[in-house]
Amino acid sequence: HVQLVESGGGSVDAGGSLRLSCAAFGYSSIVNCMGWYRQGIEEEREGVAVIDSDGNAAYADSVKGRFTISRDNAKNTVYLQMNSLKPEDTAMYYCTNLKDYWGQGTQVTVS
């Protein structure tokens, strides 16, 4: 059984910051590619950021310059630092291995 567990979501004012965490349990690993997706109300799920095993990252245009994805292999955890948050960032954020595993999500609300 492989499990990804997100945490760190919450409610913040516009311009604020949050750091999301995705911890992998079981036989999962963050050695390979990992990513963050999000889905807002009446919106399709979209990719936010991805990171490969070497630490190379890519971002959606909507978050570029504001969000940073990182990983800590020793803790088997992937992070998403979100700065300068906007109301349009409000969504459920999901962690994924980009293949077949997804977390249950953590809610981010920006007002």
PDB file of N, CA and C in Angstrom:
ATOM      1  N   HIS A   1       0.831  -1.184   0.000  1.00  0.00           N
ATOM      2  CA  HIS A   1       0.000   0.000   0.000  1.00  0.00           C
ATOM      3  C   HIS A   1       0.878   1.250   0.000  1.00  0.00           C
ATOM      4  N   VAL A   2       0.586   2.184  -0.893  1.00  0.00           N
ATOM      5  CA  VAL A   2       1.305   3.438  -0.998  1.00  0.00           C
ATOM      6  C   VAL A   2       0.340   4.557  -0.634  1.00  0.00           C
ATOM      7  N   GLN A   3       0.804   5.476   0.182  1.00  0.00           N
ATOM      8  CA  GLN A   3      -0.037   6.563   0.632  1.00  0.00           C
ATOM      9  C   GLN A   3       0.714   7.888   0.581  1.00  0.00           C
ATOM     10  N   LEU A   4       0.065   8.901   0.036  1.00  0.00           N
ATOM     11  CA  LEU A   4       0.578  10.255   0.030  1.00  0.00           C
ATOM     12  C   LEU A   4      -0.350  11.105   0.883  1.00  0.00           C
ATOM     13  N   VAL A   5       0.215  11.848   1.814  1.00  0.00           N
ATOM     14  CA  VAL A   5      -0.581  12.632   2.744  1.00  0.00           C
ATOM     15  C   VAL A   5      -0.155  14.086   2.687  1.00  0.00           C
ATOM     16  N   GLU A   6      -1.084  14.956   2.291  1.00  0.00           N
ATOM     17  CA  GLU A   6      -0.818  16.385   2.217  1.00  0.00           C
ATOM     18  C   GLU A   6      -1.192  17.066   3.529  1.00  0.00           C
ATOM     19  N   SER A   7      -0.515  18.166   3.806  1.00  0.00           N
ATOM     20  CA  SER A   7      -0.836  18.981   4.966  1.00  0.00           C
ATOM     21  C   SER A   7      -0.359  20.405   4.713  1.00  0.00           C
ATOM     22  N   GLY A   8      -0.774  21.322   5.556  1.00  0.00           N
ATOM     23  CA  GLY A   8      -0.306  22.690   5.474  1.00  0.00           C
ATOM     24  C   GLY A   8      -1.290  23.675   4.878  1.00  0.00           C
ATOM     25  N   GLY A   9      -2.418  23.196   4.403  1.00  0.00           N
ATOM     26  CA  GLY A   9      -3.414  24.092   3.853  1.00  0.00           C
ATOM     27  C   GLY A   9      -4.086  24.915   4.933  1.00  0.00           C
ATOM     28  N   GLY A  10      -4.874  25.888   4.507  1.00  0.00           N
ATOM     29  CA  GLY A  10      -5.575  26.740   5.442  1.00  0.00           C
ATOM     30  C   GLY A  10      -6.138  27.955   4.749  1.00  0.00           C
ATOM     31  N   SER A  11      -6.590  28.907   5.545  1.00  0.00           N
ATOM     32  CA  SER A  11      -7.156  30.154   5.037  1.00  0.00           C
ATOM     33  C   SER A  11      -6.203  31.304   5.319  1.00  0.00           C
ATOM     34  N   VAL A  12      -5.917  32.086   4.289  1.00  0.00           N
ATOM     35  CA  VAL A  12      -5.016  33.226   4.424  1.00  0.00           C
ATOM     36  C   VAL A  12      -5.561  34.408   3.640  1.00  0.00           C
ATOM     37  N   ASP A  13      -5.096  35.591   3.987  1.00  0.00           N
ATOM     38  CA  ASP A  13      -5.436  36.786   3.230  1.00  0.00           C
ATOM     39  C   ASP A  13      -4.600  36.856   1.963  1.00  0.00           C
ATOM     40  N   ALA A  14      -5.112  37.553   0.975  1.00  0.00           N
ATOM     41  CA  ALA A  14      -4.349  37.770  -0.247  1.00  0.00           C
ATOM     42  C   ALA A  14      -2.998  38.386   0.094  1.00  0.00           C
ATOM     43  N   GLY A  15      -1.965  37.889  -0.562  1.00  0.00           N
ATOM     44  CA  GLY A  15      -0.613  38.350  -0.283  1.00  0.00           C
ATOM     45  C   GLY A  15       0.112  37.516   0.740  1.00  0.00           C
ATOM     46  N   GLY A  16      -0.600  36.630   1.403  1.00  0.00           N
ATOM     47  CA  GLY A  16      -0.001  35.783   2.415  1.00  0.00           C
ATOM     48  C   GLY A  16       0.721  34.589   1.832  1.00  0.00           C
ATOM     49  N   SER A  17       1.232  33.742   2.727  1.00  0.00           N
ATOM     50  CA  SER A  17       2.011  32.581   2.323  1.00  0.00           C
ATOM     51  C   SER A  17       1.564  31.325   3.056  1.00  0.00           C
ATOM     52  N   LEU A  18       1.777  30.199   2.409  1.00  0.00           N
ATOM     53  CA  LEU A  18       1.557  28.891   3.003  1.00  0.00           C
ATOM     54  C   LEU A  18       2.613  27.943   2.468  1.00  0.00           C
ATOM     55  N   ARG A  19       2.937  26.929   3.245  1.00  0.00           N
ATOM     56  CA  ARG A  19       3.809  25.868   2.761  1.00  0.00           C
ATOM     57  C   ARG A  19       3.101  24.539   2.916  1.00  0.00           C
ATOM     58  N   LEU A  20       2.878  23.887   1.799  1.00  0.00           N
ATOM     59  CA  LEU A  20       2.243  22.585   1.784  1.00  0.00           C
ATOM     60  C   LEU A  20       3.299  21.493   1.854  1.00  0.00           C
ATOM     61  N   SER A  21       2.947  20.399   2.504  1.00  0.00           N
ATOM     62  CA  SER A  21       3.830  19.248   2.598  1.00  0.00           C
ATOM     63  C   SER A  21       3.121  18.015   2.080  1.00  0.00           C
ATOM     64  N   CYS A  22       3.873  17.134   1.469  1.00  0.00           N
ATOM     65  CA  CYS A  22       3.368  15.853   0.996  1.00  0.00           C
ATOM     66  C   CYS A  22       4.312  14.774   1.488  1.00  0.00           C
ATOM     67  N   ALA A  23       3.857  13.985   2.432  1.00  0.00           N
ATOM     68  CA  ALA A  23       4.660  12.907   2.988  1.00  0.00           C
ATOM     69  C   ALA A  23       4.252  11.587   2.359  1.00  0.00           C
ATOM     70  N   ALA A  24       5.238  10.800   1.969  1.00  0.00           N
ATOM     71  CA  ALA A  24       4.993   9.514   1.341  1.00  0.00           C
ATOM     72  C   ALA A  24       5.195   8.393   2.352  1.00  0.00           C
ATOM     73  N   PHE A  25       4.240   7.475   2.387  1.00  0.00           N
ATOM     74  CA  PHE A  25       4.296   6.336   3.294  1.00  0.00           C
ATOM     75  C   PHE A  25       4.190   5.034   2.521  1.00  0.00           C
ATOM     76  N   GLY A  26       4.558   3.967   3.179  1.00  0.00           N
ATOM     77  CA  GLY A  26       4.499   2.663   2.547  1.00  0.00           C
ATOM     78  C   GLY A  26       5.691   2.440   1.648  1.00  0.00           C
ATOM     79  N   TYR A  27       5.422   1.948   0.457  1.00  0.00           N
ATOM     80  CA  TYR A  27       6.489   1.659  -0.493  1.00  0.00           C
ATOM     81  C   TYR A  27       6.717   2.774  -1.501  1.00  0.00           C
ATOM     82  N   SER A  28       6.096   3.889  -1.306  1.00  0.00           N
ATOM     83  CA  SER A  28       6.282   5.016  -2.206  1.00  0.00           C
ATOM     84  C   SER A  28       7.631   5.673  -1.953  1.00  0.00           C
ATOM     85  N   SER A  29       8.040   6.483  -2.914  1.00  0.00           N
ATOM     86  CA  SER A  29       9.322   7.159  -2.838  1.00  0.00           C
ATOM     87  C   SER A  29       9.239   8.492  -3.565  1.00  0.00           C
ATOM     88  N   ILE A  30       9.980   9.482  -3.079  1.00  0.00           N
ATOM     89  CA  ILE A  30      10.051  10.760  -3.773  1.00  0.00           C
ATOM     90  C   ILE A  30      11.319  10.872  -4.612  1.00  0.00           C
ATOM     91  N   VAL A  31      11.981   9.742  -4.816  1.00  0.00           N
ATOM     92  CA  VAL A  31      13.174   9.742  -5.657  1.00  0.00           C
ATOM     93  C   VAL A  31      12.808  10.114  -7.093  1.00  0.00           C
ATOM     94  N   ASN A  32      11.684   9.623  -7.540  1.00  0.00           N
ATOM     95  CA  ASN A  32      11.232   9.896  -8.893  1.00  0.00           C
ATOM     96  C   ASN A  32      10.445  11.201  -8.960  1.00  0.00           C
ATOM     97  N   CYS A  33       9.850  11.455 -10.102  1.00  0.00           N
ATOM     98  CA  CYS A  33       9.109  12.691 -10.302  1.00  0.00           C
ATOM     99  C   CYS A  33       7.908  12.787  -9.365  1.00  0.00           C
ATOM    100  N   MET A  34       7.690  13.982  -8.836  1.00  0.00           N
ATOM    101  CA  MET A  34       6.553  14.270  -7.980  1.00  0.00           C
ATOM    102  C   MET A  34       5.966  15.606  -8.412  1.00  0.00           C
ATOM    103  N   GLY A  35       4.709  15.812  -8.098  1.00  0.00           N
ATOM    104  CA  GLY A  35       4.086  17.055  -8.496  1.00  0.00           C
ATOM    105  C   GLY A  35       2.924  17.461  -7.612  1.00  0.00           C
ATOM    106  N   TRP A  36       2.523  18.705  -7.789  1.00  0.00           N
ATOM    107  CA  TRP A  36       1.346  19.250  -7.138  1.00  0.00           C
ATOM    108  C   TRP A  36       0.338  19.661  -8.190  1.00  0.00           C
ATOM    109  N   TYR A  37      -0.891  19.258  -7.991  1.00  0.00           N
ATOM    110  CA  TYR A  37      -2.014  19.678  -8.811  1.00  0.00           C
ATOM    111  C   TYR A  37      -3.028  20.376  -7.924  1.00  0.00           C
ATOM    112  N   ARG A  38      -3.933  21.109  -8.545  1.00  0.00           N
ATOM    113  CA  ARG A  38      -4.984  21.743  -7.773  1.00  0.00           C
ATOM    114  C   ARG A  38      -6.278  21.752  -8.567  1.00  0.00           C
ATOM    115  N   GLN A  39      -7.378  21.843  -7.841  1.00  0.00           N
ATOM    116  CA  GLN A  39      -8.685  21.893  -8.466  1.00  0.00           C
ATOM    117  C   GLN A  39      -9.583  22.816  -7.670  1.00  0.00           C
ATOM    118  N   GLY A  40     -10.013  23.899  -8.295  1.00  0.00           N
ATOM    119  CA  GLY A  40     -10.928  24.827  -7.665  1.00  0.00           C
ATOM    120  C   GLY A  40     -12.368  24.473  -7.969  1.00  0.00           C
ATOM    121  N   ILE A  41     -13.282  25.204  -7.342  1.00  0.00           N
ATOM    122  CA  ILE A  41     -14.701  24.980  -7.578  1.00  0.00           C
ATOM    123  C   ILE A  41     -15.019  25.224  -9.052  1.00  0.00           C
ATOM    124  N   GLU A  42     -15.673  24.268  -9.664  1.00  0.00           N
ATOM    125  CA  GLU A  42     -16.064  24.350 -11.072  1.00  0.00           C
ATOM    126  C   GLU A  42     -14.861  24.514 -12.003  1.00  0.00           C
ATOM    127  N   GLU A  43     -13.710  24.054 -11.568  1.00  0.00           N
ATOM    128  CA  GLU A  43     -12.505  24.103 -12.380  1.00  0.00           C
ATOM    129  C   GLU A  43     -11.980  22.688 -12.592  1.00  0.00           C
ATOM    130  N   GLU A  44     -11.285  22.502 -13.704  1.00  0.00           N
ATOM    131  CA  GLU A  44     -10.649  21.219 -13.933  1.00  0.00           C
ATOM    132  C   GLU A  44      -9.339  21.156 -13.160  1.00  0.00           C
ATOM    133  N   ARG A  45      -8.917  19.955 -12.868  1.00  0.00           N
ATOM    134  CA  ARG A  45      -7.662  19.795 -12.160  1.00  0.00           C
ATOM    135  C   ARG A  45      -6.504  20.212 -13.069  1.00  0.00           C
ATOM    136  N   GLU A  46      -5.612  21.029 -12.535  1.00  0.00           N
ATOM    137  CA  GLU A  46      -4.487  21.512 -13.312  1.00  0.00           C
ATOM    138  C   GLU A  46      -3.174  21.277 -12.583  1.00  0.00           C
ATOM    139  N   GLY A  47      -2.137  21.069 -13.356  1.00  0.00           N
ATOM    140  CA  GLY A  47      -0.814  20.920 -12.788  1.00  0.00           C
ATOM    141  C   GLY A  47      -0.293  22.257 -12.292  1.00  0.00           C
ATOM    142  N   VAL A  48       0.314  22.259 -11.129  1.00  0.00           N
ATOM    143  CA  VAL A  48       0.862  23.466 -10.524  1.00  0.00           C
ATOM    144  C   VAL A  48       2.378  23.483 -10.628  1.00  0.00           C
ATOM    145  N   ALA A  49       3.010  22.403 -10.206  1.00  0.00           N
ATOM    146  CA  ALA A  49       4.463  22.319 -10.202  1.00  0.00           C
ATOM    147  C   ALA A  49       4.887  20.866 -10.189  1.00  0.00           C
ATOM    148  N   VAL A  50       6.030  20.595 -10.802  1.00  0.00           N
ATOM    149  CA  VAL A  50       6.596  19.248 -10.811  1.00  0.00           C
ATOM    150  C   VAL A  50       8.075  19.335 -10.503  1.00  0.00           C
ATOM    151  N   ILE A  51       8.617  18.252  -9.963  1.00  0.00           N
ATOM    152  CA  ILE A  51      10.034  18.194  -9.646  1.00  0.00           C
ATOM    153  C   ILE A  51      10.536  16.784  -9.919  1.00  0.00           C
ATOM    154  N   ASP A  52      11.706  16.674 -10.546  1.00  0.00           N
ATOM    155  CA  ASP A  52      12.241  15.361 -10.853  1.00  0.00           C
ATOM    156  C   ASP A  52      13.235  14.915  -9.793  1.00  0.00           C
ATOM    157  N   SER A  53      13.825  13.761 -10.012  1.00  0.00           N
ATOM    158  CA  SER A  53      14.720  13.173  -9.020  1.00  0.00           C
ATOM    159  C   SER A  53      15.985  13.989  -8.795  1.00  0.00           C
ATOM    160  N   ASP A  54      16.340  14.827  -9.753  1.00  0.00           N
ATOM    161  CA  ASP A  54      17.528  15.665  -9.634  1.00  0.00           C
ATOM    162  C   ASP A  54      17.215  17.056  -9.086  1.00  0.00           C
ATOM    163  N   GLY A  55      15.956  17.316  -8.783  1.00  0.00           N
ATOM    164  CA  GLY A  55      15.580  18.603  -8.247  1.00  0.00           C
ATOM    165  C   GLY A  55      15.195  19.637  -9.282  1.00  0.00           C
ATOM    166  N   ASN A  56      15.152  19.249 -10.548  1.00  0.00           N
ATOM    167  CA  ASN A  56      14.699  20.169 -11.585  1.00  0.00           C
ATOM    168  C   ASN A  56      13.199  20.369 -11.470  1.00  0.00           C
ATOM    169  N   ALA A  57      12.767  21.609 -11.571  1.00  0.00           N
ATOM    170  CA  ALA A  57      11.370  21.938 -11.356  1.00  0.00           C
ATOM    171  C   ALA A  57      10.775  22.696 -12.533  1.00  0.00           C
ATOM    172  N   ALA A  58       9.475  22.573 -12.685  1.00  0.00           N
ATOM    173  CA  ALA A  58       8.735  23.315 -13.685  1.00  0.00           C
ATOM    174  C   ALA A  58       7.416  23.763 -13.074  1.00  0.00           C
ATOM    175  N   TYR A  59       6.910  24.912 -13.538  1.00  0.00           N
ATOM    176  CA  TYR A  59       5.735  25.509 -12.933  1.00  0.00           C
ATOM    177  C   TYR A  59       4.717  25.939 -13.973  1.00  0.00           C
ATOM    178  N   ALA A  60       3.466  25.947 -13.552  1.00  0.00           N
ATOM    179  CA  ALA A  60       2.436  26.546 -14.372  1.00  0.00           C
ATOM    180  C   ALA A  60       2.670  28.050 -14.445  1.00  0.00           C
ATOM    181  N   ASP A  61       2.327  28.650 -15.571  1.00  0.00           N
ATOM    182  CA  ASP A  61       2.537  30.083 -15.735  1.00  0.00           C
ATOM    183  C   ASP A  61       1.833  30.900 -14.652  1.00  0.00           C
ATOM    184  N   SER A  62       0.705  30.419 -14.191  1.00  0.00           N
ATOM    185  CA  SER A  62      -0.085  31.160 -13.226  1.00  0.00           C
ATOM    186  C   SER A  62       0.581  31.280 -11.854  1.00  0.00           C
ATOM    187  N   VAL A  63       1.542  30.411 -11.559  1.00  0.00           N
ATOM    188  CA  VAL A  63       2.190  30.435 -10.251  1.00  0.00           C
ATOM    189  C   VAL A  63       3.676  30.721 -10.343  1.00  0.00           C
ATOM    190  N   LYS A  64       4.198  30.816 -11.527  1.00  0.00           N
ATOM    191  CA  LYS A  64       5.629  31.027 -11.725  1.00  0.00           C
ATOM    192  C   LYS A  64       6.084  32.314 -11.041  1.00  0.00           C
ATOM    193  N   GLY A  65       7.152  32.211 -10.286  1.00  0.00           N
ATOM    194  CA  GLY A  65       7.671  33.353  -9.557  1.00  0.00           C
ATOM    195  C   GLY A  65       7.093  33.509  -8.172  1.00  0.00           C
ATOM    196  N   ARG A  66       6.015  32.794  -7.879  1.00  0.00           N
ATOM    197  CA  ARG A  66       5.381  32.889  -6.573  1.00  0.00           C
ATOM    198  C   ARG A  66       5.479  31.586  -5.787  1.00  0.00           C
ATOM    199  N   PHE A  67       5.444  30.455  -6.480  1.00  0.00           N
ATOM    200  CA  PHE A  67       5.481  29.146  -5.837  1.00  0.00           C
ATOM    201  C   PHE A  67       6.834  28.490  -6.066  1.00  0.00           C
ATOM    202  N   THR A  68       7.261  27.686  -5.102  1.00  0.00           N
ATOM    203  CA  THR A  68       8.494  26.927  -5.219  1.00  0.00           C
ATOM    204  C   THR A  68       8.263  25.505  -4.730  1.00  0.00           C
ATOM    205  N   ILE A  69       8.566  24.535  -5.583  1.00  0.00           N
ATOM    206  CA  ILE A  69       8.473  23.140  -5.196  1.00  0.00           C
ATOM    207  C   ILE A  69       9.861  22.653  -4.797  1.00  0.00           C
ATOM    208  N   SER A  70       9.927  21.836  -3.762  1.00  0.00           N
ATOM    209  CA  SER A  70      11.195  21.297  -3.303  1.00  0.00           C
ATOM    210  C   SER A  70      10.963  19.910  -2.718  1.00  0.00           C
ATOM    211  N   ARG A  71      12.046  19.226  -2.431  1.00  0.00           N
ATOM    212  CA  ARG A  71      11.922  17.885  -1.877  1.00  0.00           C
ATOM    213  C   ARG A  71      13.008  17.622  -0.860  1.00  0.00           C
ATOM    214  N   ASP A  72      12.687  16.788   0.110  1.00  0.00           N
ATOM    215  CA  ASP A  72      13.619  16.352   1.129  1.00  0.00           C
ATOM    216  C   ASP A  72      13.575  14.831   1.121  1.00  0.00           C
ATOM    217  N   ASN A  73      14.535  14.230   0.459  1.00  0.00           N
ATOM    218  CA  ASN A  73      14.522  12.776   0.306  1.00  0.00           C
ATOM    219  C   ASN A  73      14.670  12.049   1.645  1.00  0.00           C
ATOM    220  N   ALA A  74      15.423  12.630   2.563  1.00  0.00           N
ATOM    221  CA  ALA A  74      15.611  12.003   3.864  1.00  0.00           C
ATOM    222  C   ALA A  74      14.298  11.893   4.622  1.00  0.00           C
ATOM    223  N   LYS A  75      13.424  12.870   4.442  1.00  0.00           N
ATOM    224  CA  LYS A  75      12.123  12.863   5.097  1.00  0.00           C
ATOM    225  C   LYS A  75      11.031  12.293   4.206  1.00  0.00           C
ATOM    226  N   ASN A  76      11.409  11.927   2.985  1.00  0.00           N
ATOM    227  CA  ASN A  76      10.451  11.391   2.022  1.00  0.00           C
ATOM    228  C   ASN A  76       9.259  12.334   1.859  1.00  0.00           C
ATOM    229  N   THR A  77       9.579  13.602   1.686  1.00  0.00           N
ATOM    230  CA  THR A  77       8.560  14.639   1.668  1.00  0.00           C
ATOM    231  C   THR A  77       8.815  15.633   0.542  1.00  0.00           C
ATOM    232  N   VAL A  78       7.735  16.065  -0.088  1.00  0.00           N
ATOM    233  CA  VAL A  78       7.773  17.110  -1.102  1.00  0.00           C
ATOM    234  C   VAL A  78       7.024  18.320  -0.561  1.00  0.00           C
ATOM    235  N   TYR A  79       7.526  19.508  -0.874  1.00  0.00           N
ATOM    236  CA  TYR A  79       6.937  20.734  -0.365  1.00  0.00           C
ATOM    237  C   TYR A  79       6.496  21.639  -1.503  1.00  0.00           C
ATOM    238  N   LEU A  80       5.566  22.507  -1.190  1.00  0.00           N
ATOM    239  CA  LEU A  80       5.179  23.571  -2.102  1.00  0.00           C
ATOM    240  C   LEU A  80       5.078  24.858  -1.295  1.00  0.00           C
ATOM    241  N   GLN A  81       6.063  25.718  -1.459  1.00  0.00           N
ATOM    242  CA  GLN A  81       6.040  27.025  -0.818  1.00  0.00           C
ATOM    243  C   GLN A  81       5.248  27.982  -1.700  1.00  0.00           C
ATOM    244  N   MET A  82       4.215  28.574  -1.138  1.00  0.00           N
ATOM    245  CA  MET A  82       3.330  29.457  -1.886  1.00  0.00           C
ATOM    246  C   MET A  82       3.382  30.853  -1.275  1.00  0.00           C
ATOM    247  N   ASN A  83       3.871  31.802  -2.045  1.00  0.00           N
ATOM    248  CA  ASN A  83       3.967  33.184  -1.609  1.00  0.00           C
ATOM    249  C   ASN A  83       3.071  34.072  -2.471  1.00  0.00           C
ATOM    250  N   SER A  84       2.812  35.267  -1.978  1.00  0.00           N
ATOM    251  CA  SER A  84       1.994  36.234  -2.710  1.00  0.00           C
ATOM    252  C   SER A  84       0.700  35.600  -3.202  1.00  0.00           C
ATOM    253  N   LEU A  85       0.031  34.916  -2.320  1.00  0.00           N
ATOM    254  CA  LEU A  85      -1.174  34.184  -2.696  1.00  0.00           C
ATOM    255  C   LEU A  85      -2.285  35.118  -3.158  1.00  0.00           C
ATOM    256  N   LYS A  86      -3.030  34.643  -4.134  1.00  0.00           N
ATOM    257  CA  LYS A  86      -4.135  35.375  -4.719  1.00  0.00           C
ATOM    258  C   LYS A  86      -5.432  34.598  -4.519  1.00  0.00           C
ATOM    259  N   PRO A  87      -6.571  35.276  -4.547  1.00  0.00           N
ATOM    260  CA  PRO A  87      -7.842  34.555  -4.420  1.00  0.00           C
ATOM    261  C   PRO A  87      -8.002  33.434  -5.442  1.00  0.00           C
ATOM    262  N   GLU A  88      -7.474  33.619  -6.632  1.00  0.00           N
ATOM    263  CA  GLU A  88      -7.583  32.588  -7.655  1.00  0.00           C
ATOM    264  C   GLU A  88      -6.741  31.353  -7.370  1.00  0.00           C
ATOM    265  N   ASP A  89      -5.895  31.411  -6.343  1.00  0.00           N
ATOM    266  CA  ASP A  89      -5.155  30.235  -5.908  1.00  0.00           C
ATOM    267  C   ASP A  89      -6.003  29.320  -5.034  1.00  0.00           C
ATOM    268  N   THR A  90      -7.174  29.778  -4.654  1.00  0.00           N
ATOM    269  CA  THR A  90      -8.066  28.972  -3.830  1.00  0.00           C
ATOM    270  C   THR A  90      -8.412  27.676  -4.552  1.00  0.00           C
ATOM    271  N   ALA A  91      -8.134  26.555  -3.906  1.00  0.00           N
ATOM    272  CA  ALA A  91      -8.352  25.247  -4.526  1.00  0.00           C
ATOM    273  C   ALA A  91      -8.000  24.153  -3.536  1.00  0.00           C
ATOM    274  N   MET A  92      -8.362  22.936  -3.909  1.00  0.00           N
ATOM    275  CA  MET A  92      -7.861  21.771  -3.219  1.00  0.00           C
ATOM    276  C   MET A  92      -6.556  21.384  -3.900  1.00  0.00           C
ATOM    277  N   TYR A  93      -5.505  21.241  -3.123  1.00  0.00           N
ATOM    278  CA  TYR A  93      -4.193  20.919  -3.663  1.00  0.00           C
ATOM    279  C   TYR A  93      -3.865  19.457  -3.412  1.00  0.00           C
ATOM    280  N   TYR A  94      -3.421  18.780  -4.461  1.00  0.00           N
ATOM    281  CA  TYR A  94      -3.144  17.353  -4.406  1.00  0.00           C
ATOM    282  C   TYR A  94      -1.694  17.060  -4.742  1.00  0.00           C
ATOM    283  N   CYS A  95      -1.131  16.127  -4.036  1.00  0.00           N
ATOM    284  CA  CYS A  95       0.209  15.629  -4.309  1.00  0.00           C
ATOM    285  C   CYS A  95       0.095  14.346  -5.123  1.00  0.00           C
ATOM    286  N   THR A  96       1.023  14.153  -6.067  1.00  0.00           N
ATOM    287  CA  THR A  96       0.972  12.972  -6.911  1.00  0.00           C
ATOM    288  C   THR A  96       2.372  12.554  -7.335  1.00  0.00           C
ATOM    289  N   ASN A  97       2.527  11.279  -7.617  1.00  0.00           N
ATOM    290  CA  ASN A  97       3.787  10.791  -8.174  1.00  0.00           C
ATOM    291  C   ASN A  97       3.775  10.842  -9.694  1.00  0.00           C
ATOM    292  N   LEU A  98       2.738  11.460 -10.241  1.00  0.00           N
ATOM    293  CA  LEU A  98       2.574  11.659 -11.673  1.00  0.00           C
ATOM    294  C   LEU A  98       2.332  10.356 -12.426  1.00  0.00           C
ATOM    295  N   LYS A  99       2.053   9.305 -11.717  1.00  0.00           N
ATOM    296  CA  LYS A  99       1.786   8.017 -12.340  1.00  0.00           C
ATOM    297  C   LYS A  99       0.444   7.455 -11.888  1.00  0.00           C
ATOM    298  N   ASP A 100       0.404   7.005 -10.636  1.00  0.00           N
ATOM    299  CA  ASP A 100      -0.788   6.285 -10.192  1.00  0.00           C
ATOM    300  C   ASP A 100      -1.188   6.552  -8.743  1.00  0.00           C
ATOM    301  N   TYR A 101      -0.488   7.425  -8.055  1.00  0.00           N
ATOM    302  CA  TYR A 101      -0.816   7.691  -6.658  1.00  0.00           C
ATOM    303  C   TYR A 101      -1.123   9.160  -6.436  1.00  0.00           C
ATOM    304  N   TRP A 102      -2.173   9.398  -5.664  1.00  0.00           N
ATOM    305  CA  TRP A 102      -2.626  10.745  -5.323  1.00  0.00           C
ATOM    306  C   TRP A 102      -2.965  10.823  -3.850  1.00  0.00           C
ATOM    307  N   GLY A 103      -2.689  11.972  -3.253  1.00  0.00           N
ATOM    308  CA  GLY A 103      -3.129  12.203  -1.896  1.00  0.00           C
ATOM    309  C   GLY A 103      -4.588  12.599  -1.870  1.00  0.00           C
ATOM    310  N   GLN A 104      -5.131  12.766  -0.679  1.00  0.00           N
ATOM    311  CA  GLN A 104      -6.530  13.150  -0.522  1.00  0.00           C
ATOM    312  C   GLN A 104      -6.747  14.651  -0.659  1.00  0.00           C
ATOM    313  N   GLY A 105      -5.681  15.422  -0.627  1.00  0.00           N
ATOM    314  CA  GLY A 105      -5.769  16.852  -0.834  1.00  0.00           C
ATOM    315  C   GLY A 105      -5.759  17.664   0.445  1.00  0.00           C
ATOM    316  N   THR A 106      -5.342  18.905   0.312  1.00  0.00           N
ATOM    317  CA  THR A 106      -5.394  19.866   1.402  1.00  0.00           C
ATOM    318  C   THR A 106      -5.952  21.173   0.845  1.00  0.00           C
ATOM    319  N   GLN A 107      -6.906  21.747   1.549  1.00  0.00           N
ATOM    320  CA  GLN A 107      -7.619  22.911   1.050  1.00  0.00           C
ATOM    321  C   GLN A 107      -6.847  24.197   1.321  1.00  0.00           C
ATOM    322  N   VAL A 108      -6.748  25.028   0.296  1.00  0.00           N
ATOM    323  CA  VAL A 108      -6.160  26.355   0.407  1.00  0.00           C
ATOM    324  C   VAL A 108      -7.221  27.373   0.028  1.00  0.00           C
ATOM    325  N   THR A 109      -7.479  28.311   0.920  1.00  0.00           N
ATOM    326  CA  THR A 109      -8.469  29.346   0.673  1.00  0.00           C
ATOM    327  C   THR A 109      -7.813  30.705   0.867  1.00  0.00           C
ATOM    328  N   VAL A 110      -7.885  31.539  -0.149  1.00  0.00           N
ATOM    329  CA  VAL A 110      -7.261  32.864  -0.115  1.00  0.00           C
ATOM    330  C   VAL A 110      -8.340  33.914  -0.298  1.00  0.00           C
ATOM    331  N   SER A 111      -8.433  34.825   0.634  1.00  0.00           N
ATOM    332  CA  SER A 111      -9.411  35.905   0.571  1.00  0.00           C
ATOM    333  C   SER A 111      -8.795  37.249   0.912  1.00  0.00           C
TER     334      SER A 111
END
